[in-house]
Amino acid sequence: MADIASAMLPPAATAQMPRPTPDPASTAREFEAVFVGQMTKLMMEMVDTGDFSGGAGEEMFRGVLAEQMGNEIAKRGGIGLAPAVLDQIIRMQGGSGHGQ
């Protein structure tokens, strides 16, 4: 059985795939989207829906709604967090930030 598994697996030298290097700007935008989504989720949890609650279905999908709202807010300019995060990413990589 071990012979079959070893015959099907590629050699260790070819198994190493190059790691993709993400675009720092898209990483900063994604960070902002997640941050805003989490803030939105917390705000939505604090709202008393009273008699207008969507029940269990609303509770189940509230996190998804907050995540999508965060994505849309970030896509449309966000709250100004992405440029600051991008500057820090560039500084950490040894470059100079946008403000310099």
Foldseek 3Di string as FASTA:
>chain_A
DVVVVVVPDDDPVVPDDDDDDDDLLVVLLVVQLVVQLVVQLVVVVPDDCPPNDPPPVCVVCSSVVSSVVSNVCSVVPHDPRSLVSSQVVQVVVPHHHPVD
